[in-house]
Amino acid sequence: MPLFGSTFSPKKTPPRKAASLSNLHLMDRSTREIELGLEYGSPAMNLAGQSLKFENGQWVAESGSFTGDRREMQRLRKRNQQLEEENNLLRLKVDILLDMLSETTAESHLMEKELEELKSHSRRRK
């Protein structure tokens, strides 16, 4: 038993009421429309001096914002196409090599199994 009375037991604090920090619920509909607007528009960004806008699931350059050369763009698209074709060819080659490796491994296991059977068969004869 404690020397100076009961053990320390603080009172339980009552639960706090949930308070929203947003003042949006205080505004009427017309004020919200003026403040926030109905049309938020599509997202836009400026990247390396080029303005891009997100439309229909893709980033599209806004007209007149591209500062580069049209020939440079065509060259990059052609190079991209070449790299994609090369990538597809390399994937095909990898698939063929994996098939060949699987076939060779299966044949090797069969030969090892036959060799073990022949060894055990020859031991029985002796």
Protein backbone atom coordinates (compact mmCIF):
# COMPACT_ATOMS: atom_id res chain seq x y z
CA MET A 1 0.00 0.00 0.00
CA PRO A 2 1.36 3.44 -0.93
CA LEU A 3 2.65 5.67 1.78
CA PHE A 4 0.74 8.85 0.81
CA GLY A 5 -2.65 7.58 -0.30
CA SER A 6 -3.99 5.89 -3.40
CA THR A 7 -2.01 5.07 -6.49
CA PHE A 8 -1.79 7.59 -9.28
CA SER A 9 -4.73 7.15 -11.64
CA PRO A 10 -5.53 10.11 -13.87
CA LYS A 11 -9.06 10.76 -15.04
CA LYS A 12 -9.92 9.50 -18.47
CA THR A 13 -10.24 12.29 -20.99
CA PRO A 14 -13.45 12.44 -23.00
CA PRO A 15 -13.10 11.58 -26.70
CA ARG A 16 -12.60 14.54 -28.99
CA LYS A 17 -15.15 15.55 -31.54
CA ALA A 18 -13.99 15.15 -35.13
CA ALA A 19 -13.42 18.62 -36.52
CA SER A 20 -12.88 19.26 -40.19
CA LEU A 21 -10.14 21.74 -40.98
CA SER A 22 -11.60 22.35 -44.41
CA ASN A 23 -13.88 25.31 -44.91
CA LEU A 24 -15.40 23.80 -48.05
CA HIS A 25 -18.41 22.51 -46.17
CA LEU A 26 -19.11 26.06 -44.97
CA MET A 27 -19.33 27.46 -48.52
CA ASP A 28 -22.53 27.37 -50.47
CA ARG A 29 -22.63 25.76 -53.91
CA SER A 30 -22.20 28.96 -55.94
CA THR A 31 -19.18 30.05 -53.90
CA ARG A 32 -17.58 26.63 -54.32
CA GLU A 33 -18.14 26.77 -58.09
CA ILE A 34 -16.53 30.21 -58.25
CA GLU A 35 -13.60 29.19 -56.03
CA LEU A 36 -12.94 25.74 -57.45
CA GLY A 37 -14.69 25.83 -60.80
CA LEU A 38 -16.64 23.05 -62.44
CA GLU A 39 -14.07 22.35 -65.15
CA TYR A 40 -10.71 21.54 -63.68
CA GLY A 41 -9.18 20.99 -67.11
CA SER A 42 -6.61 18.44 -68.05
CA PRO A 43 -3.21 18.34 -66.33
CA ALA A 44 -0.44 20.26 -68.04
CA MET A 45 3.28 20.57 -67.46
CA ASN A 46 6.33 22.25 -68.90
CA LEU A 47 9.28 19.94 -69.44
CA ALA A 48 12.54 21.13 -70.97
CA GLY A 49 10.84 24.11 -72.58
CA GLN A 50 8.06 22.00 -74.08
CA SER A 51 4.46 22.35 -72.90
CA LEU A 52 2.65 19.03 -72.55
CA LYS A 53 -1.03 18.39 -71.86
CA PHE A 54 -2.64 15.11 -70.76
CA GLU A 55 -5.47 14.25 -73.15
CA ASN A 56 -7.22 10.93 -73.74
CA GLY A 57 -4.71 8.99 -71.66
CA GLN A 58 -1.58 10.37 -73.36
CA TRP A 59 0.72 13.34 -72.95
CA VAL A 60 0.41 15.53 -76.04
CA ALA A 61 2.59 18.49 -76.97
CA GLU A 62 0.60 21.70 -77.17
CA SER A 63 0.66 23.34 -80.59
CA GLY A 64 3.58 25.68 -81.12
CA SER A 65 5.32 24.64 -77.94
CA PHE A 66 7.86 22.30 -79.50
CA THR A 67 11.09 24.20 -79.91
CA GLY A 68 12.99 21.36 -81.60
CA ASP A 69 13.38 20.54 -85.25
CA ARG A 70 10.82 18.41 -87.08
CA ARG A 71 13.63 16.46 -88.75
CA GLU A 72 15.12 15.70 -85.36
CA MET A 73 11.76 14.37 -84.19
CA GLN A 74 11.49 12.13 -87.27
CA ARG A 75 15.05 10.90 -86.76
CA LEU A 76 14.29 10.03 -83.13
CA ARG A 77 11.09 8.21 -84.10
CA LYS A 78 12.97 6.21 -86.75
CA ARG A 79 15.72 5.34 -84.25
CA ASN A 80 13.09 4.32 -81.70
CA GLN A 81 11.44 2.04 -84.28
CA GLN A 82 14.82 0.45 -85.11
CA LEU A 83 15.56 -0.17 -81.45
CA GLU A 84 12.13 -1.73 -80.89
CA GLU A 85 12.66 -4.07 -83.86
CA GLU A 86 16.12 -5.00 -82.58
CA ASN A 87 14.68 -5.62 -79.12
CA ASN A 88 12.00 -7.92 -80.57
CA LEU A 89 14.64 -9.84 -82.56
CA LEU A 90 16.81 -10.26 -79.47
CA ARG A 91 13.84 -11.50 -77.44
CA LEU A 92 13.11 -14.05 -80.16
CA LYS A 93 16.73 -15.21 -80.12
CA VAL A 94 16.67 -15.58 -76.33
CA ASP A 95 13.47 -17.65 -76.56
CA ILE A 96 15.06 -19.92 -79.19
CA LEU A 97 18.22 -20.34 -77.09
CA LEU A 98 16.16 -21.19 -74.00
CA ASP A 99 14.22 -23.80 -75.99
CA MET A 100 17.49 -25.29 -77.26
CA LEU A 101 18.92 -25.35 -73.74
CA SER A 102 15.80 -27.06 -72.39
CA GLU A 103 15.92 -29.68 -75.14
CA THR A 104 19.63 -30.36 -74.59
CA THR A 105 19.14 -30.62 -70.83
CA ALA A 106 16.28 -33.08 -71.27
CA GLU A 107 18.37 -35.22 -73.66
CA SER A 108 21.30 -35.13 -71.23
CA HIS A 109 19.10 -36.33 -68.36
CA LEU A 110 17.76 -39.16 -70.52
CA MET A 111 21.29 -40.23 -71.49
CA GLU A 112 22.42 -40.14 -67.86
CA LYS A 113 19.45 -42.26 -66.88
CA GLU A 114 20.17 -44.80 -69.64
CA LEU A 115 23.84 -44.89 -68.63
CA GLU A 116 22.91 -45.57 -65.00
CA GLU A 117 20.57 -48.35 -66.11
CA LEU A 118 23.30 -49.93 -68.25
CA LYS A 119 25.80 -49.70 -65.38
CA SER A 120 23.39 -51.32 -62.94
CA HIS A 121 22.50 -54.00 -65.51
CA SER A 122 26.20 -54.81 -66.13
CA ARG A 123 26.87 -55.03 -62.37
CA ARG A 124 24.09 -57.58 -62.00
CA ARG A 125 25.67 -59.78 -64.66
CA LYS A 126 28.99 -59.93 -62.83
